[in-house]
Amino acid sequence: MSPISKELLAKYKVIDDVFDYKGLDIEEELLQIYSYFESSFISLYENYANIFNIKDYCFYIKNNNKCNAFASKRKGYNIIGITNGYPILLSKKMDEKHFKNIVLAGINNDEPLREAYIDLYQDKEFDFSKFIIDCSIRFTFRHEFQHIMQFNNLKYEKHDFFLQETLEKDDFNIKLHVWEFDADRMACFEVLKHVFRLNSEFKVKSNEKLKCLLYVGCSSMIITKCLFYFGVINQLELPLSVRKLEFYKKKFSHPHPLVRCMNIMGYYFDNITNDFSELKVDHQEFFNNTLALTKLYFDSLIPKHDTMSELFEDLKKHLDTITKYNDELYDCAIQDEEIRNILILRNIKFEDS
């Protein structure tokens, strides 16, 4: 199935504010960034649309300087988009200079895992920064595609649906939190698949190197969520000013970033241990490495602010509430008709509460 042209959808006012970077007189570096993100999303959408028989689909970049991604069902068309701010802001935030100390994450591990970090760091064919950006792109795409799947499994008629990654401080709706919970889970599984695909391409493989990739892949998702949590995602100029989002439970359009982080880490870890038990991934090692990588990144990005101490303090204070709320969202998710239909379609087993 071929995508519908964004020019055609713009002509008939199905989409608006299309950002055409190819017609701009901008630096070559920016052109390459836009081209890379656009081609990545288009390729992923074409693949998943064919797998799940999604018709009348389109990806486009919307003219907006904020970092945002969205999914919509409008006039029968299945649309996934990002803003023009998304590629630039994410690329700048995940510049390779912020990962130059990434090898230090291996210090507190056993020697084989320490060596795996070093091997990857020294591998001229592997780029930590590119890998982390690719994981983030795949997470974002698969999250938005899950919303497309949710829209297409609704039984009642409604002309338009629209969900975006930007937090909306509107009235709370448990169904929206449940849909975000579900979309995050499918998105982190996409990152897990990407890790295993990449690992299969290495000439020299080892369980320790695969573990390292798994931890870095997970940290990519946590870093992305924490950029929103600390309120720095839309800031382009240094120094960045931390504007932390205070913890909440049943409010707004999305679960709190910490709720989402723990859902992502829990589901990611469960899939590793269930499907790849031979790796013998220890929960504490997984947690320590994921957050050590996240800390190294934020210590570089915001060197004058102890962001991770704030994160740990909030986790300590709210962990019980976070765990119980994620359990509640899971219970709601497996009772949600649209999500159940998708799980059955994919032959995914789930337990009723």
Protein backbone atom coordinates (compact mmCIF):
# COMPACT_ATOMS: atom_id res chain seq x y z
CA MET A 1 0.00 0.00 0.00
CA SER A 2 1.33 3.40 -0.95
CA PRO A 3 0.94 6.50 1.21
CA ILE A 4 -1.37 9.35 0.25
CA SER A 5 0.50 12.44 -0.89
CA LYS A 6 0.68 15.20 1.71
CA GLU A 7 0.27 17.72 -1.10
CA LEU A 8 -3.07 16.15 -2.03
CA LEU A 9 -4.28 16.14 1.58
CA ALA A 10 -3.20 19.75 1.99
CA LYS A 11 -5.04 20.72 -1.19
CA TYR A 12 -8.29 19.29 0.16
CA LYS A 13 -7.65 20.76 3.65
CA VAL A 14 -7.31 17.42 5.41
CA ILE A 15 -3.98 18.65 6.79
CA ASP A 16 -2.61 22.16 7.13
CA ASP A 17 0.60 24.08 7.78
CA VAL A 18 2.77 21.60 5.87
CA PHE A 19 6.45 22.33 6.38
CA ASP A 20 8.46 21.95 3.15
CA TYR A 21 12.11 22.08 4.19
CA LYS A 22 13.30 21.22 0.66
CA GLY A 23 12.24 24.63 -0.60
CA LEU A 24 14.10 26.55 2.09
CA ASP A 25 17.46 28.25 1.88
CA ILE A 26 18.92 26.66 5.02
CA GLU A 27 22.20 25.07 6.07
CA GLU A 28 23.07 21.68 4.65
CA GLU A 29 23.23 20.23 8.16
CA LEU A 30 19.61 21.17 8.81
CA LEU A 31 18.53 19.75 5.45
CA GLN A 32 20.20 16.46 6.33
CA ILE A 33 18.52 16.37 9.75
CA TYR A 34 15.06 16.97 8.27
CA SER A 35 15.67 14.44 5.51
CA TYR A 36 16.84 11.78 7.95
CA PHE A 37 13.87 12.15 10.28
CA GLU A 38 11.36 12.34 7.42
CA SER A 39 12.72 9.27 5.63
CA SER A 40 12.85 7.33 8.93
CA PHE A 41 9.20 8.03 9.73
CA ILE A 42 8.02 7.38 6.17
CA SER A 43 9.86 4.05 6.00
CA LEU A 44 8.48 2.93 9.36
CA TYR A 45 4.94 3.99 8.44
CA GLU A 46 5.02 2.20 5.10
CA ASN A 47 6.22 -0.98 6.80
CA TYR A 48 3.64 -0.93 9.58
CA ALA A 49 0.77 0.14 7.33
CA ASN A 50 1.44 -2.91 5.15
CA ILE A 51 1.71 -5.25 8.13
CA PHE A 52 -1.53 -4.05 9.75
CA ASN A 53 -3.44 -3.24 6.55
CA ILE A 54 -3.78 0.47 7.30
CA LYS A 55 -5.06 2.27 4.23
CA ASP A 56 -5.16 5.95 3.27
CA TYR A 57 -2.21 6.92 5.40
CA CYS A 58 0.15 9.87 5.32
CA PHE A 59 3.14 11.25 7.19
CA TYR A 60 4.04 14.92 7.13
CA ILE A 61 6.00 17.59 8.98
CA LYS A 62 3.86 20.39 10.41
CA ASN A 63 5.08 23.98 10.60
CA ASN A 64 5.53 24.48 14.34
CA ASN A 65 8.72 25.26 16.25
CA LYS A 66 7.81 23.21 19.33
CA CYS A 67 8.89 19.58 19.75
CA ASN A 68 5.76 17.54 19.14
CA ALA A 69 4.45 14.42 17.42
CA PHE A 70 0.85 13.53 16.74
CA ALA A 71 -1.59 11.04 15.25
CA SER A 72 -4.96 11.82 13.77
CA LYS A 73 -7.84 10.22 11.94
CA ARG A 74 -9.39 12.92 9.79
CA LYS A 75 -11.93 12.45 7.01
CA GLY A 76 -10.99 8.77 6.90
CA TYR A 77 -7.24 9.40 6.53
CA ASN A 78 -4.67 8.00 8.96
CA ILE A 79 -2.15 10.73 9.63
CA ILE A 80 1.06 10.71 11.65
CA GLY A 81 3.10 13.88 11.90
CA ILE A 82 5.90 15.66 13.67
CA THR A 83 6.55 19.36 13.98
CA ASN A 84 9.52 20.97 12.25
CA GLY A 85 10.86 21.74 15.72
CA TYR A 86 11.02 18.04 16.63
CA PRO A 87 14.04 16.99 14.49
CA ILE A 88 16.10 20.06 15.32
CA LEU A 89 15.41 20.16 19.04
CA LEU A 90 15.93 16.42 19.48
CA SER A 91 19.11 16.37 17.37
CA LYS A 92 20.60 19.29 19.30
CA LYS A 93 19.68 17.73 22.64
CA MET A 94 21.20 14.41 21.62
CA ASP A 95 24.40 15.74 20.14
CA GLU A 96 27.29 13.29 20.38
CA LYS A 97 29.13 15.59 22.81
CA HIS A 98 26.59 14.67 25.48
CA PHE A 99 27.52 11.00 25.19
CA LYS A 100 31.30 11.29 25.26
CA ASN A 101 31.37 9.92 28.84
CA ILE A 102 28.89 7.13 28.19
CA VAL A 103 31.53 4.45 28.72
CA LEU A 104 31.65 5.47 32.40
CA ALA A 105 28.27 3.77 32.84
CA GLY A 106 30.14 0.49 32.85
CA ILE A 107 32.34 1.28 35.85
CA ASN A 108 30.17 -0.34 38.53
CA ASN A 109 29.50 -3.48 36.50
CA ASP A 110 31.35 -6.76 36.29
CA GLU A 111 34.36 -6.78 33.97
CA PRO A 112 32.63 -8.41 30.93
CA LEU A 113 29.94 -5.70 30.87
CA ARG A 114 32.53 -2.96 31.45
CA GLU A 115 34.46 -4.28 28.46
CA ALA A 116 31.29 -4.33 26.35
CA TYR A 117 30.77 -0.59 26.90
CA ILE A 118 34.39 0.03 25.87
CA ASP A 119 34.09 -2.22 22.80
CA LEU A 120 31.02 -0.36 21.59
CA TYR A 121 32.59 3.02 22.31
CA GLN A 122 35.69 2.08 20.28
CA ASP A 123 33.75 0.48 17.42
CA LYS A 124 34.13 2.89 14.49
CA GLU A 125 31.00 1.43 12.84
CA PHE A 126 28.82 2.13 15.90
CA ASP A 127 27.69 5.60 16.96
CA PHE A 128 26.08 5.92 20.40
CA SER A 129 24.45 9.24 19.52
CA LYS A 130 22.89 7.91 16.29
CA PHE A 131 21.73 4.75 18.04
CA ILE A 132 20.03 6.75 20.80
CA ILE A 133 18.34 9.09 18.29
CA ASP A 134 17.19 6.11 16.23
CA CYS A 135 15.71 4.48 19.32
CA SER A 136 13.91 7.72 20.16
CA ILE A 137 12.55 8.02 16.60
CA ARG A 138 11.29 4.45 16.66
CA PHE A 139 9.70 4.95 20.04
CA THR A 140 7.90 8.09 18.87
CA PHE A 141 6.73 6.54 15.62
CA ARG A 142 5.45 3.34 17.21
CA HIS A 143 3.68 5.32 19.94
CA GLU A 144 1.82 7.39 17.35
CA PHE A 145 1.11 4.34 15.19
CA GLN A 146 -0.51 2.66 18.18
CA HIS A 147 -2.88 5.61 18.37
CA ILE A 148 -3.70 5.00 14.69
CA MET A 149 -4.47 1.38 15.60
CA GLN A 150 -6.66 2.54 18.48
CA PHE A 151 -8.57 4.94 16.21
CA ASN A 152 -9.17 2.16 13.67
CA ASN A 153 -10.53 -0.24 16.26
CA LEU A 154 -13.26 2.09 17.48
CA LYS A 155 -16.71 0.73 16.72
CA TYR A 156 -18.66 3.94 17.04
CA GLU A 157 -18.62 6.64 14.39
CA LYS A 158 -16.71 9.85 14.84
CA HIS A 159 -15.28 12.01 12.10
CA ASP A 160 -12.03 13.16 13.65
CA PHE A 161 -9.53 11.97 16.26
CA PHE A 162 -6.39 13.77 17.30
CA LEU A 163 -3.77 12.90 19.94
CA GLN A 164 -0.44 14.62 20.41
CA GLU A 165 2.62 14.17 22.58
CA THR A 166 2.44 17.67 24.02
CA LEU A 167 0.80 17.66 27.44
CA GLU A 168 -2.60 19.33 27.42
CA LYS A 169 -3.75 20.63 30.81
CA ASP A 170 -7.38 19.96 30.04
CA ASP A 171 -9.99 17.85 31.80
CA PHE A 172 -8.81 14.40 32.91
CA ASN A 173 -10.04 11.35 30.97
CA ILE A 174 -8.96 7.90 32.17
CA LYS A 175 -9.37 6.49 28.66
CA LEU A 176 -6.74 8.88 27.31
CA HIS A 177 -4.31 7.85 30.06
CA VAL A 178 -5.01 4.20 29.25
CA TRP A 179 -4.36 4.79 25.55
CA GLU A 180 -1.07 6.54 26.33
CA PHE A 181 -0.10 3.65 28.66
CA ASP A 182 -0.80 1.17 25.85
CA ALA A 183 1.00 3.25 23.20
CA ASP A 184 4.12 3.56 25.38
CA ARG A 185 4.24 -0.22 25.83
CA MET A 186 4.04 -0.95 22.11
CA ALA A 187 6.61 1.78 21.47
CA CYS A 188 9.17 0.40 23.91
CA PHE A 189 8.75 -3.06 22.33
CA GLU A 190 9.68 -1.43 19.00
CA VAL A 191 12.90 -0.18 20.60
CA LEU A 192 13.58 -3.67 21.91
CA LYS A 193 13.19 -5.10 18.39
CA HIS A 194 15.53 -2.45 17.02
CA VAL A 195 18.17 -3.40 19.59
CA PHE A 196 18.02 -7.05 18.58
CA ARG A 197 18.11 -6.22 14.86
CA LEU A 198 21.20 -4.08 15.36
CA ASN A 199 22.88 -6.70 17.52
CA SER A 200 22.32 -9.32 14.80
CA GLU A 201 24.40 -7.19 12.41
CA PHE A 202 27.51 -7.13 14.62
CA LYS A 203 30.37 -9.25 13.34
CA VAL A 204 31.43 -10.06 16.89
CA LYS A 205 28.54 -10.74 19.23
CA SER A 206 28.33 -11.36 22.97
CA ASN A 207 25.64 -11.41 25.63
CA GLU A 208 27.39 -8.56 27.40
CA LYS A 209 27.38 -6.36 24.29
CA LEU A 210 23.69 -7.12 23.81
CA LYS A 211 23.01 -6.19 27.45
CA CYS A 212 24.82 -2.91 26.92
CA LEU A 213 22.68 -2.14 23.87
CA LEU A 214 19.54 -3.03 25.81
CA TYR A 215 20.43 -0.63 28.62
CA VAL A 216 21.33 2.19 26.22
CA GLY A 217 18.12 1.59 24.25
CA CYS A 218 16.05 1.87 27.41
CA SER A 219 17.93 4.97 28.55
CA SER A 220 17.07 6.60 25.19
CA MET A 221 13.37 6.38 26.04
CA ILE A 222 13.89 7.56 29.62
CA ILE A 223 16.03 10.47 28.44
CA THR A 224 13.34 11.49 25.95
CA LYS A 225 10.62 11.44 28.61
CA CYS A 226 12.84 13.29 31.11
CA LEU A 227 13.48 16.08 28.60
CA PHE A 228 9.75 16.78 28.93
CA TYR A 229 9.77 16.12 32.69
CA PHE A 230 12.50 18.71 33.28
CA GLY A 231 10.84 21.16 30.90
CA VAL A 232 13.88 21.63 28.64
CA ILE A 233 12.77 19.91 25.44
CA ASN A 234 11.67 23.13 23.70
CA GLN A 235 14.68 25.19 24.74
CA LEU A 236 17.30 25.60 22.02
CA GLU A 237 19.81 28.00 23.51
CA LEU A 238 22.20 27.21 26.37
CA PRO A 239 22.18 27.29 29.31
CA LEU A 240 18.96 25.33 29.69
CA SER A 241 16.58 26.32 32.45
CA VAL A 242 14.95 23.45 34.37
CA ARG A 243 11.19 23.84 34.76
CA LYS A 244 10.25 20.52 36.31
CA LEU A 245 6.70 19.26 35.92
CA GLU A 246 5.29 18.67 39.38
CA PHE A 247 3.96 15.20 40.08
CA TYR A 248 0.28 14.45 39.50
CA LYS A 249 -1.86 11.37 39.09
CA LYS A 250 -5.31 11.68 37.53
CA LYS A 251 -4.92 14.98 35.71
CA PHE A 252 -4.32 16.31 32.21
CA SER A 253 -4.08 14.52 28.85
CA HIS A 254 -1.13 12.20 29.61
CA PRO A 255 0.15 10.31 32.64
CA HIS A 256 2.98 12.11 34.42
CA PRO A 257 6.42 11.49 32.78
CA LEU A 258 7.59 9.51 35.84
CA VAL A 259 4.54 7.26 35.58
CA ARG A 260 5.37 6.74 31.92
CA CYS A 261 9.05 6.09 32.64
CA MET A 262 8.27 3.34 35.14
CA ASN A 263 5.71 1.78 32.81
CA ILE A 264 8.28 1.77 29.99
CA MET A 265 11.07 0.32 32.12
CA GLY A 266 8.80 -2.34 33.63
CA TYR A 267 7.40 -3.54 30.30
CA TYR A 268 10.80 -3.42 28.60
CA PHE A 269 12.38 -5.48 31.39
CA ASP A 270 9.52 -8.01 31.41
CA ASN A 271 9.93 -8.61 27.68
CA ILE A 272 13.68 -9.11 28.02
CA THR A 273 13.33 -11.63 30.84
CA ASN A 274 10.38 -13.46 29.28
CA ASP A 275 11.74 -13.76 25.74
CA PHE A 276 15.49 -13.87 26.37
CA SER A 277 15.94 -15.60 29.69
CA GLU A 278 19.36 -16.87 28.61
CA LEU A 279 20.71 -13.34 29.04
CA LYS A 280 20.00 -13.56 32.78
CA VAL A 281 19.37 -9.83 33.03
CA ASP A 282 19.21 -8.81 36.68
CA HIS A 283 16.56 -6.22 37.57
CA GLN A 284 18.90 -4.15 39.74
CA GLU A 285 21.62 -4.18 37.07
CA PHE A 286 19.06 -3.14 34.46
CA PHE A 287 17.74 -0.30 36.63
CA ASN A 288 21.22 0.89 37.68
CA ASN A 289 22.61 0.95 34.14
CA THR A 290 19.58 2.64 32.59
CA LEU A 291 19.63 5.45 35.16
CA ALA A 292 23.45 5.71 35.19
CA LEU A 293 23.35 6.35 31.44
CA THR A 294 20.55 8.87 31.93
CA LYS A 295 22.53 10.64 34.66
CA LEU A 296 25.68 10.88 32.53
CA TYR A 297 23.62 12.45 29.77
CA PHE A 298 21.89 15.05 31.94
CA ASP A 299 25.11 15.89 33.79
CA SER A 300 26.47 16.92 30.39
CA LEU A 301 23.31 18.60 29.09
CA ILE A 302 22.56 20.59 32.26
CA PRO A 303 25.86 20.60 34.18
CA LYS A 304 24.87 23.21 36.77
CA HIS A 305 21.68 21.50 37.89
CA ASP A 306 21.51 18.19 39.74
CA THR A 307 18.57 16.93 37.74
CA MET A 308 18.96 13.27 38.64
CA SER A 309 18.91 13.92 42.38
CA GLU A 310 15.53 15.56 41.84
CA LEU A 311 14.38 12.58 39.79
CA PHE A 312 15.50 10.08 42.44
CA GLU A 313 13.86 12.14 45.17
CA ASP A 314 10.57 12.24 43.26
CA LEU A 315 10.74 8.51 42.59
CA LYS A 316 11.39 7.84 46.27
CA LYS A 317 8.47 10.05 47.25
CA HIS A 318 5.96 8.84 44.66
CA LEU A 319 7.03 5.29 43.71
CA ASP A 320 4.19 3.58 45.56
CA THR A 321 1.62 5.87 43.91
CA ILE A 322 3.26 5.37 40.51
CA THR A 323 3.26 1.58 40.83
CA LYS A 324 -0.38 1.42 41.92
CA TYR A 325 -1.47 3.81 39.16
CA ASN A 326 0.33 1.80 36.48
CA ASP A 327 -1.39 -1.32 37.84
CA GLU A 328 -4.72 0.50 37.60
CA LEU A 329 -3.97 1.61 34.03
CA TYR A 330 -3.09 -1.98 33.10
CA ASP A 331 -6.37 -3.24 34.53
CA CYS A 332 -8.25 -0.56 32.61
CA ALA A 333 -6.27 -1.27 29.44
CA ILE A 334 -7.20 -4.94 29.23
CA GLN A 335 -10.85 -3.97 29.67
CA ASP A 336 -10.68 -1.29 26.97
CA GLU A 337 -12.45 -2.62 23.89
CA GLU A 338 -10.14 -1.00 21.35
CA ILE A 339 -6.98 -2.19 23.11
CA ARG A 340 -8.38 -5.71 23.58
CA ASN A 341 -9.17 -5.89 19.85
CA ILE A 342 -5.59 -4.88 19.00
CA LEU A 343 -4.10 -7.41 21.44
CA ILE A 344 -6.26 -10.18 19.99
CA LEU A 345 -5.34 -9.13 16.44
CA ARG A 346 -1.64 -9.47 17.34
CA ASN A 347 -2.11 -12.71 19.31
CA ILE A 348 -0.75 -11.02 22.43
CA LYS A 349 -1.69 -12.81 25.63
CA PHE A 350 -3.03 -10.79 28.53
CA GLU A 351 -4.52 -11.56 31.91
CA ASP A 352 -7.86 -10.24 33.09
CA SER A 353 -7.83 -8.89 36.61
